Amino acid sequence: MSESTDERKHPMSESTRSIRTPHALTGIAPGPWLQLLLHAGVTEPGKLSDIGKISLRSLQGVPLALREARLCAAPLREHRIDPRPLFIIGHFRSGTTLLHDLLAHDEKFVYPTTFQVFFPRVFCTAKQLLKPAFERSLPPRRHGDHVPLSVDGPHEDEFALGQLSPLGFYHALYFPSRARELFSRSVFLEAESDRALWHERYARFLAKVSLEGGGRPLLIKNPAHTGRIPLLLEMFPEARFVHIYRNPFAVYLSSLQFFRRFVDTYAFQRISDAELGDLVLHVYEQLMTRGFDDLSRIPNGQLAHVCYEELVADPITCVERIYRTLELDPTERLREATAKAACSQETFKTNTHLLDAGSRHLVRTRWGFALERLGYDPEAPHSARPLRAGATGD
C-alpha cells in the first residue's frame, strides 16, 4: 500500500489508460455530461479519446431515449411503486454489496440490474439492441474487488443517477480535482433545485425498475443514500432500511484500495495518493456524521442494523434477525442462499493487508466518533468485531 504522505500524482497505467470495458458513464444523457465537462476542470490529455467516445455514445442514445420516453409514458402513468422498498445503507466498503447479493435471492423483491444502471434511459425498450453486446463486454468481476458481475445481477443504482443527472457520488471519482464539491452537492443535495431534479430523475428510474419487475417491492443498495435518509423517507414514508457497518480501520484500508483502482480505471484527472487518502477520510467523516444523525428519523420497526463481521461469520443468524426486525418472511430460496454462504465463506473475498501505524493514527483521529459509536476498540486489529454486543450506531 502506498504511504499516505506520497505527494506524487499517481500515474495512469497503460492497462487502464484505454478503457477496455464500457465506461460507467457510457449511457449518460448529453445534458448532464456537458455540465460535468464544463465544471469539472482540466482533464488528462490521454483521456480525451475516452471523453470523445462517451460523448458520441451519449448523442447516439438520444433517439432511443426519446423512443423509450414515448413508449413508457402511458404504462408509467398507470403504475404505482410498492410503498415499502428496502434500502441497504452504510458507508462504502462496509458490506453493502455482500448484503445486497444475499437479499437479492428473495423473490419477493425486484432490484436494479447491472444492465439497467448502465443504461437507465433506455433499458425498458432497447434490451434486444444493447444487452447482448453489453453482456459480452462485461468483465466477470467488478473493478477494484472480487465481486462477480452479471448483466442481470443486482447493482448499485448510484451509477444510474450519475447518468441521468449531474448529481451522482461517483462523479467525485471521475473528476477528482473537484471531488469534495461534487461529493457534497450530489449526496447531501442542499440546493432546492438539486433536490427537485434528483427526486424527479430518481423517482422515474425506480418506477421503470418497478414496472419491469411487475410491481414487486424494490431492493436498493446504495452507500450514498446514507446521506439522503430524509429525502428517501419523503418519497417512501413506509420504507424499510438496513444499516450495515464495519470496523472503520477496515473501511479505510478497503476504501483506499477500491477508490484507487476505480480512479485509475475511470477517472479523467489524476489524484495523488495523499489527496486520495484525505478524500477517503473526508467522505467518511461527512457521510457518517450525517448518517448517524438521520438514523433516528427512521420510524420504529423500519430499521435493522447488521455488523459486517458478524454477517460474514454467521449470515444465517444475521439475515434472520434483519427479517424479524422488519417483520419480513424469508423465502426458501433466501434460506438456501444464506446457508450456502455460511458453508462456503466465499460469497465475498475480503482483503488481508495490514494497516500501517500512521494510517491507524489517522483513522483514530478523524474517525474516532465512529469507532466509539459503533463500539470498536481503537487498539484492536482492523478485522475485529465491536466490543459491545449488538452495537448499532444509534
Protein backbone atom coordinates (compact mmCIF):
# COMPACT_ATOMS: atom_id res chain seq x y z
CA MET A 1 0.00 0.00 0.00
CA SER A 2 1.39 3.45 -0.89
CA GLU A 3 2.25 5.72 2.00
CA SER A 4 -0.38 8.40 2.61
CA THR A 5 2.40 11.03 2.63
CA ASP A 6 3.31 10.44 -1.02
CA GLU A 7 2.80 13.76 -2.84
CA ARG A 8 3.39 12.42 -6.35
CA LYS A 9 0.48 12.25 -8.75
CA HIS A 10 -0.44 8.64 -9.28
CA PRO A 11 0.28 7.61 -12.88
CA MET A 12 -2.47 6.17 -15.00
CA SER A 13 -1.18 2.78 -16.09
CA GLU A 14 -1.25 1.73 -19.69
CA SER A 15 -3.70 -1.04 -18.79
CA THR A 16 -6.23 1.50 -17.53
CA ARG A 17 -5.47 4.43 -19.81
CA SER A 18 -7.53 2.85 -22.56
CA ILE A 19 -10.75 1.53 -21.08
CA ARG A 20 -11.49 -1.91 -22.43
CA THR A 21 -14.84 -2.40 -20.77
CA PRO A 22 -17.75 0.05 -21.00
CA HIS A 23 -17.11 3.21 -19.03
CA ALA A 24 -19.61 3.68 -16.22
CA LEU A 25 -20.75 6.88 -17.97
CA THR A 26 -21.31 5.26 -21.36
CA GLY A 27 -25.08 5.78 -21.24
CA ILE A 28 -25.07 9.30 -19.76
CA ALA A 29 -27.54 11.87 -21.10
CA PRO A 30 -25.99 14.76 -23.10
CA GLY A 31 -27.17 17.49 -20.70
CA PRO A 32 -25.57 16.10 -17.52
CA TRP A 33 -22.43 15.13 -19.47
CA LEU A 34 -21.99 18.66 -20.80
CA GLN A 35 -22.50 20.13 -17.31
CA LEU A 36 -19.86 17.83 -15.86
CA LEU A 37 -17.34 18.65 -18.56
CA LEU A 38 -17.89 22.40 -18.22
CA HIS A 39 -17.44 22.44 -14.45
CA ALA A 40 -15.01 19.59 -13.78
CA GLY A 41 -11.75 21.35 -14.68
CA VAL A 42 -8.86 20.29 -16.91
CA THR A 43 -8.82 16.64 -17.95
CA GLU A 44 -5.81 14.49 -18.75
CA PRO A 45 -4.83 14.66 -22.45
CA GLY A 46 -4.67 10.88 -22.56
CA LYS A 47 -8.34 10.68 -21.59
CA LEU A 48 -9.66 12.87 -24.42
CA SER A 49 -10.36 9.85 -26.61
CA ASP A 50 -12.50 8.32 -23.86
CA ILE A 51 -14.36 11.62 -23.47
CA GLY A 52 -14.98 11.62 -27.20
CA LYS A 53 -16.32 8.06 -27.16
CA ILE A 54 -18.67 8.80 -24.25
CA SER A 55 -19.87 11.99 -25.97
CA LEU A 56 -20.62 10.10 -29.17
CA ARG A 57 -22.46 7.33 -27.34
CA SER A 58 -24.41 9.92 -25.37
CA LEU A 59 -25.66 11.58 -28.54
CA GLN A 60 -26.37 8.25 -30.21
CA GLY A 61 -28.59 7.34 -27.29
CA VAL A 62 -30.90 10.32 -27.70
CA PRO A 63 -33.25 8.72 -30.28
CA LEU A 64 -33.50 5.57 -28.16
CA ALA A 65 -34.20 7.62 -25.04
CA LEU A 66 -36.92 9.64 -26.80
CA ARG A 67 -38.47 6.41 -28.06
CA GLU A 68 -38.46 4.90 -24.58
CA ALA A 69 -39.99 8.02 -23.06
CA ARG A 70 -42.82 7.87 -25.60
CA LEU A 71 -43.47 4.13 -25.26
CA CYS A 72 -43.28 4.11 -21.46
CA ALA A 73 -45.30 7.26 -20.79
CA ALA A 74 -48.70 5.55 -20.52
CA PRO A 75 -47.57 2.48 -18.54
CA LEU A 76 -45.66 4.66 -16.07
CA ARG A 77 -48.67 6.94 -15.54
CA GLU A 78 -50.74 3.92 -14.52
CA HIS A 79 -48.01 2.17 -12.49
CA ARG A 80 -47.66 2.56 -8.73
CA ILE A 81 -44.43 1.68 -6.95
CA ASP A 82 -44.80 -0.52 -3.90
CA PRO A 83 -44.65 1.93 -0.95
CA ARG A 84 -42.32 -0.25 1.15
CA PRO A 85 -38.96 -0.56 -0.61
CA LEU A 86 -35.99 -1.92 1.30
CA PHE A 87 -32.87 0.29 1.27
CA ILE A 88 -29.46 -1.08 2.23
CA ILE A 89 -27.33 1.80 3.52
CA GLY A 90 -23.92 2.15 5.15
CA HIS A 91 -20.58 3.62 4.15
CA PHE A 92 -18.78 2.39 1.05
CA ARG A 93 -16.83 -0.83 1.64
CA SER A 94 -18.91 -1.72 4.69
CA GLY A 95 -20.51 -4.82 3.19
CA THR A 96 -23.47 -3.30 1.34
CA THR A 97 -22.76 -5.37 -1.78
CA LEU A 98 -22.45 -8.61 0.18
CA LEU A 99 -25.78 -8.00 1.89
CA HIS A 100 -27.43 -6.89 -1.35
CA ASP A 101 -26.33 -10.03 -3.16
CA LEU A 102 -27.70 -12.19 -0.34
CA LEU A 103 -31.09 -10.48 -0.04
CA ALA A 104 -31.47 -10.43 -3.83
CA HIS A 105 -32.22 -14.16 -3.59
CA ASP A 106 -35.56 -13.26 -2.01
CA GLU A 107 -38.01 -13.40 -4.92
CA LYS A 108 -40.44 -11.00 -3.28
CA PHE A 109 -38.10 -8.15 -4.22
CA VAL A 110 -37.00 -6.64 -7.51
CA TYR A 111 -33.67 -4.86 -7.78
CA PRO A 112 -31.92 -2.65 -10.35
CA THR A 113 -29.72 -4.81 -12.56
CA THR A 114 -26.29 -4.10 -13.98
CA PHE A 115 -27.82 -3.51 -17.41
CA GLN A 116 -30.42 -1.13 -16.01
CA VAL A 117 -27.98 1.06 -14.09
CA PHE A 118 -25.60 1.29 -17.06
CA PHE A 119 -28.42 2.16 -19.49
CA PRO A 120 -31.03 3.89 -17.31
CA ARG A 121 -32.55 5.91 -20.16
CA VAL A 122 -33.32 3.00 -22.46
CA PHE A 123 -33.34 -0.31 -20.57
CA CYS A 124 -37.06 -0.95 -20.99
CA THR A 125 -37.21 -0.78 -24.78
CA ALA A 126 -33.66 -1.29 -26.07
CA LYS A 127 -32.77 -4.60 -24.42
CA GLN A 128 -32.59 -6.59 -27.66
CA LEU A 129 -30.40 -3.96 -29.27
CA LEU A 130 -27.92 -3.24 -26.48
CA LYS A 131 -27.93 -6.07 -23.99
CA PRO A 132 -26.09 -8.80 -25.98
CA ALA A 133 -23.08 -6.57 -26.77
CA PHE A 134 -23.03 -5.19 -23.24
CA GLU A 135 -23.02 -8.69 -21.80
CA ARG A 136 -20.09 -9.70 -23.99
CA SER A 137 -18.07 -6.65 -22.90
CA LEU A 138 -18.79 -7.00 -19.18
CA PRO A 139 -15.83 -8.28 -17.12
CA PRO A 140 -16.51 -11.31 -14.92
CA ARG A 141 -15.71 -9.32 -11.77
CA ARG A 142 -16.04 -5.73 -10.64
CA HIS A 143 -13.09 -3.36 -10.96
CA GLY A 144 -11.34 -2.95 -7.63
CA ASP A 145 -12.51 -6.07 -5.81
CA HIS A 146 -13.59 -9.68 -6.30
CA VAL A 147 -17.36 -9.17 -6.61
CA PRO A 148 -18.81 -11.12 -9.57
CA LEU A 149 -20.64 -9.16 -12.25
CA SER A 150 -23.56 -10.33 -14.36
CA VAL A 151 -25.76 -8.38 -16.69
CA ASP A 152 -28.95 -9.31 -14.79
CA GLY A 153 -27.44 -9.35 -11.32
CA PRO A 154 -28.16 -6.72 -8.63
CA HIS A 155 -26.24 -3.49 -8.94
CA GLU A 156 -25.96 -0.10 -7.25
CA ASP A 157 -28.40 2.50 -8.54
CA GLU A 158 -25.99 5.41 -7.89
CA PHE A 159 -24.49 4.64 -11.30
CA ALA A 160 -27.88 5.26 -12.89
CA LEU A 161 -28.31 8.54 -11.01
CA GLY A 162 -24.92 9.66 -12.30
CA GLN A 163 -26.08 9.15 -15.88
CA LEU A 164 -29.48 10.75 -15.54
CA SER A 165 -28.30 13.97 -13.88
CA PRO A 166 -25.14 15.83 -12.82
CA LEU A 167 -25.85 14.51 -9.31
CA GLY A 168 -24.03 11.29 -8.54
CA PHE A 169 -21.41 10.34 -5.97
CA TYR A 170 -19.08 8.71 -8.50
CA HIS A 171 -18.67 11.99 -10.34
CA ALA A 172 -16.31 12.86 -7.49
CA LEU A 173 -14.09 9.96 -8.58
CA TYR A 174 -14.44 10.57 -12.32
CA PHE A 175 -13.33 14.19 -11.78
CA PRO A 176 -11.25 14.09 -8.58
CA SER A 177 -9.94 17.65 -8.89
CA ARG A 178 -13.45 18.78 -7.87
CA ALA A 179 -14.13 15.75 -5.68
CA ARG A 180 -15.25 17.45 -2.47
CA GLU A 181 -17.63 19.80 -4.25
CA LEU A 182 -19.14 17.05 -6.39
CA PHE A 183 -19.49 14.72 -3.40
CA SER A 184 -21.22 17.30 -1.21
CA ARG A 185 -23.57 18.51 -3.92
CA SER A 186 -24.55 15.05 -5.15
CA VAL A 187 -25.03 13.32 -1.80
CA PHE A 188 -26.43 15.99 0.51
CA LEU A 189 -28.46 17.87 -2.12
CA GLU A 190 -28.58 21.10 -0.12
CA ALA A 191 -29.87 23.25 -3.00
CA GLU A 192 -33.62 23.10 -3.55
CA SER A 193 -33.15 22.88 -7.33
CA ASP A 194 -30.80 19.91 -6.91
CA ARG A 195 -33.24 18.13 -4.61
CA ALA A 196 -36.08 18.63 -7.08
CA LEU A 197 -34.02 17.38 -10.02
CA TRP A 198 -32.69 14.39 -8.08
CA HIS A 199 -36.20 13.46 -6.87
CA GLU A 200 -37.70 13.64 -10.36
CA ARG A 201 -34.98 11.59 -12.05
CA TYR A 202 -34.72 9.03 -9.26
CA ALA A 203 -38.46 8.53 -8.95
CA ARG A 204 -38.73 7.88 -12.68
CA PHE A 205 -35.84 5.42 -12.65
CA LEU A 206 -37.34 3.47 -9.74
CA ALA A 207 -40.73 3.45 -11.42
CA LYS A 208 -39.22 1.87 -14.53
CA VAL A 209 -37.39 -0.75 -12.47
CA SER A 210 -40.59 -1.48 -10.57
CA LEU A 211 -42.59 -1.69 -13.80
CA GLU A 212 -40.10 -4.17 -15.27
CA GLY A 213 -40.29 -6.20 -12.06
CA GLY A 214 -44.06 -6.49 -12.03
CA GLY A 215 -44.56 -4.11 -9.12
CA ARG A 216 -42.68 -6.14 -6.52
CA PRO A 217 -41.10 -4.16 -3.64
CA LEU A 218 -37.77 -2.62 -4.54
CA LEU A 219 -34.50 -3.81 -3.02
CA ILE A 220 -31.95 -1.00 -3.27
CA LYS A 221 -28.36 -0.82 -2.06
CA ASN A 222 -26.61 2.50 -2.24
CA PRO A 223 -23.95 3.75 0.20
CA ALA A 224 -24.56 7.36 -0.88
CA HIS A 225 -28.14 7.05 0.39
CA THR A 226 -26.67 7.07 3.91
CA GLY A 227 -26.61 10.86 3.46
CA ARG A 228 -30.12 11.05 1.95
CA ILE A 229 -32.29 9.35 4.57
CA PRO A 230 -34.74 12.27 4.99
CA LEU A 231 -35.22 12.51 1.21
CA LEU A 232 -35.90 8.78 0.94
CA LEU A 233 -38.45 8.99 3.75
CA GLU A 234 -40.17 11.87 1.95
CA MET A 235 -40.50 9.66 -1.11
CA PHE A 236 -41.38 6.49 0.81
CA PRO A 237 -42.61 7.11 4.38
CA GLU A 238 -43.04 3.35 4.89
CA ALA A 239 -39.60 2.44 3.51
CA ARG A 240 -37.53 -0.13 5.37
CA PHE A 241 -33.80 0.28 5.92
CA VAL A 242 -30.90 -2.00 6.76
CA HIS A 243 -27.83 -0.20 8.06
CA ILE A 244 -24.67 -2.28 7.71
CA TYR A 245 -21.48 -1.16 9.43
CA ARG A 246 -17.90 -2.38 9.58
CA ASN A 247 -14.71 -1.76 11.56
CA PRO A 248 -13.61 1.73 10.42
CA PHE A 249 -9.98 0.61 10.15
CA ALA A 250 -11.01 -1.99 7.57
CA VAL A 251 -13.26 0.52 5.80
CA TYR A 252 -10.35 2.95 5.44
CA LEU A 253 -7.99 0.34 4.01
CA SER A 254 -10.60 -1.10 1.66
CA SER A 255 -11.76 2.34 0.50
CA LEU A 256 -8.21 3.41 -0.33
CA GLN A 257 -7.67 0.32 -2.45
CA PHE A 258 -11.05 0.33 -4.16
CA PHE A 259 -11.16 4.04 -4.95
CA ARG A 260 -7.58 3.99 -6.26
CA ARG A 261 -8.43 1.21 -8.69
CA PHE A 262 -11.68 2.95 -9.61
CA VAL A 263 -9.90 6.25 -10.28
CA ASP A 264 -7.14 4.55 -12.28
CA THR A 265 -9.77 2.86 -14.42
CA TYR A 266 -12.41 5.54 -14.90
CA ALA A 267 -11.11 9.00 -13.87
CA PHE A 268 -10.42 11.79 -16.35
CA GLN A 269 -7.99 13.50 -13.97
CA ARG A 270 -5.11 12.38 -11.77
CA ILE A 271 -5.05 12.42 -8.00
CA SER A 272 -2.11 11.71 -5.72
CA ASP A 273 -2.19 9.03 -3.06
CA ALA A 274 -2.08 11.75 -0.40
CA GLU A 275 -5.07 13.54 -1.94
CA LEU A 276 -6.99 10.31 -2.30
CA GLY A 277 -6.30 9.36 1.31
CA ASP A 278 -7.57 12.70 2.53
CA LEU A 279 -10.66 12.35 0.33
CA VAL A 280 -11.43 8.95 1.87
CA LEU A 281 -11.16 10.45 5.35
CA HIS A 282 -13.34 13.42 4.39
CA VAL A 283 -16.09 11.36 2.75
CA TYR A 284 -16.42 9.05 5.76
CA GLU A 285 -16.48 11.96 8.21
CA GLN A 286 -19.20 13.80 6.31
CA LEU A 287 -21.30 10.81 5.28
CA MET A 288 -21.32 9.01 8.62
CA THR A 289 -21.86 12.16 10.68
CA ARG A 290 -24.96 12.86 8.60
CA GLY A 291 -26.00 9.22 8.61
CA PHE A 292 -25.73 8.81 12.38
CA ASP A 293 -27.83 11.96 12.87
CA ASP A 294 -30.52 10.83 10.44
CA LEU A 295 -30.91 7.19 11.51
CA SER A 296 -33.09 8.41 14.37
CA ARG A 297 -35.57 9.79 11.81
CA ILE A 298 -36.49 6.28 10.67
CA PRO A 299 -39.67 5.09 12.45
CA ASN A 300 -39.60 2.11 14.80
CA GLY A 301 -39.91 -1.21 13.01
CA GLN A 302 -38.48 0.16 9.76
CA LEU A 303 -34.77 -0.04 10.58
CA ALA A 304 -32.47 -3.00 11.16
CA HIS A 305 -28.74 -2.95 11.87
CA VAL A 306 -26.17 -5.56 10.93
CA CYS A 307 -22.45 -5.81 11.65
CA TYR A 308 -20.32 -6.80 8.66
CA GLU A 309 -18.00 -9.01 10.69
CA GLU A 310 -20.99 -10.86 12.14
CA LEU A 311 -22.63 -11.19 8.71
CA VAL A 312 -19.52 -12.83 7.28
CA ALA A 313 -19.21 -15.16 10.28
CA ASP A 314 -22.89 -16.12 10.56
CA PRO A 315 -25.05 -14.98 7.61
CA ILE A 316 -27.97 -17.21 8.60
CA THR A 317 -28.45 -15.63 12.02
CA CYS A 318 -27.87 -12.09 10.73
CA VAL A 319 -30.39 -12.35 7.89
CA GLU A 320 -32.97 -13.93 10.19
CA ARG A 321 -32.51 -11.07 12.66
CA ILE A 322 -32.94 -8.49 9.90
CA TYR A 323 -36.13 -10.11 8.69
CA ARG A 324 -37.50 -10.48 12.19
CA THR A 325 -36.85 -6.80 12.95
CA LEU A 326 -38.52 -5.66 9.72
CA GLU A 327 -41.37 -8.20 10.05
CA LEU A 328 -40.49 -9.97 6.81
CA ASP A 329 -40.73 -13.64 5.97
CA PRO A 330 -37.60 -15.13 4.36
CA THR A 331 -38.24 -17.27 1.31
CA GLU A 332 -36.85 -20.75 0.90
CA ARG A 333 -34.51 -19.53 -1.82
CA LEU A 334 -33.08 -16.91 0.54
CA ARG A 335 -32.59 -19.51 3.27
CA GLU A 336 -30.71 -21.70 0.80
CA ALA A 337 -28.50 -18.77 -0.24
CA THR A 338 -27.58 -17.85 3.33
CA ALA A 339 -26.88 -21.48 4.15
CA LYS A 340 -24.60 -21.76 1.14
CA ALA A 341 -22.80 -18.57 2.16
CA ALA A 342 -22.33 -19.92 5.66
CA CYS A 343 -20.83 -23.15 4.35
CA SER A 344 -18.54 -21.77 1.70
CA GLN A 345 -17.50 -18.40 3.17
CA GLU A 346 -16.81 -17.45 -0.47
CA THR A 347 -19.66 -15.03 -1.07
CA PHE A 348 -17.28 -12.11 -0.65
CA LYS A 349 -13.49 -12.14 -0.57
CA THR A 350 -12.02 -9.62 1.87
CA ASN A 351 -8.61 -8.00 1.79
CA THR A 352 -5.98 -9.37 4.15
CA HIS A 353 -3.48 -6.48 4.04
CA LEU A 354 -2.41 -4.79 7.26
CA LEU A 355 -2.99 -1.15 8.09
CA ASP A 356 0.23 0.73 8.90
CA ALA A 357 0.70 2.66 12.15
CA GLY A 358 0.39 6.08 10.51
CA SER A 359 -2.92 5.21 8.88
CA ARG A 360 -4.26 3.76 12.14
CA HIS A 361 -3.43 7.06 13.84
CA LEU A 362 -5.27 8.99 11.11
CA VAL A 363 -8.36 6.80 11.48
CA ARG A 364 -8.36 7.09 15.27
CA THR A 365 -8.02 10.86 14.99
CA ARG A 366 -10.50 11.55 12.20
CA TRP A 367 -12.97 8.69 12.68
CA GLY A 368 -12.85 8.28 16.44
CA PHE A 369 -16.51 9.31 16.64
CA ALA A 370 -17.46 6.23 14.60
CA LEU A 371 -15.19 3.86 16.50
CA GLU A 372 -16.91 4.99 19.70
CA ARG A 373 -20.44 4.98 18.34
CA LEU A 374 -20.14 1.58 16.69
CA GLY A 375 -18.32 0.04 19.64
CA TYR A 376 -14.99 -0.87 18.00
CA ASP A 377 -11.77 -0.96 20.03
CA PRO A 378 -9.37 1.70 18.65
CA GLU A 379 -6.42 -0.53 19.57
CA ALA A 380 -7.75 -3.81 18.14
CA PRO A 381 -6.94 -5.28 14.69
CA HIS A 382 -8.90 -3.93 11.76
CA SER A 383 -10.73 -7.26 11.41
CA ALA A 384 -12.05 -7.17 15.00
CA ARG A 385 -15.76 -7.14 15.81
CA PRO A 386 -17.34 -4.45 18.02
CA LEU A 387 -16.58 -4.64 21.74
CA ARG A 388 -20.21 -4.01 22.57
CA ALA A 389 -22.55 -6.82 21.60
CA GLY A 390 -25.39 -5.53 19.46
CA ALA A 391 -23.81 -2.11 18.80
CA THR A 392 -25.89 -0.33 16.17
CA GLY A 393 -24.74 3.24 15.80
CA ASP A 394 -27.93 4.55 17.36
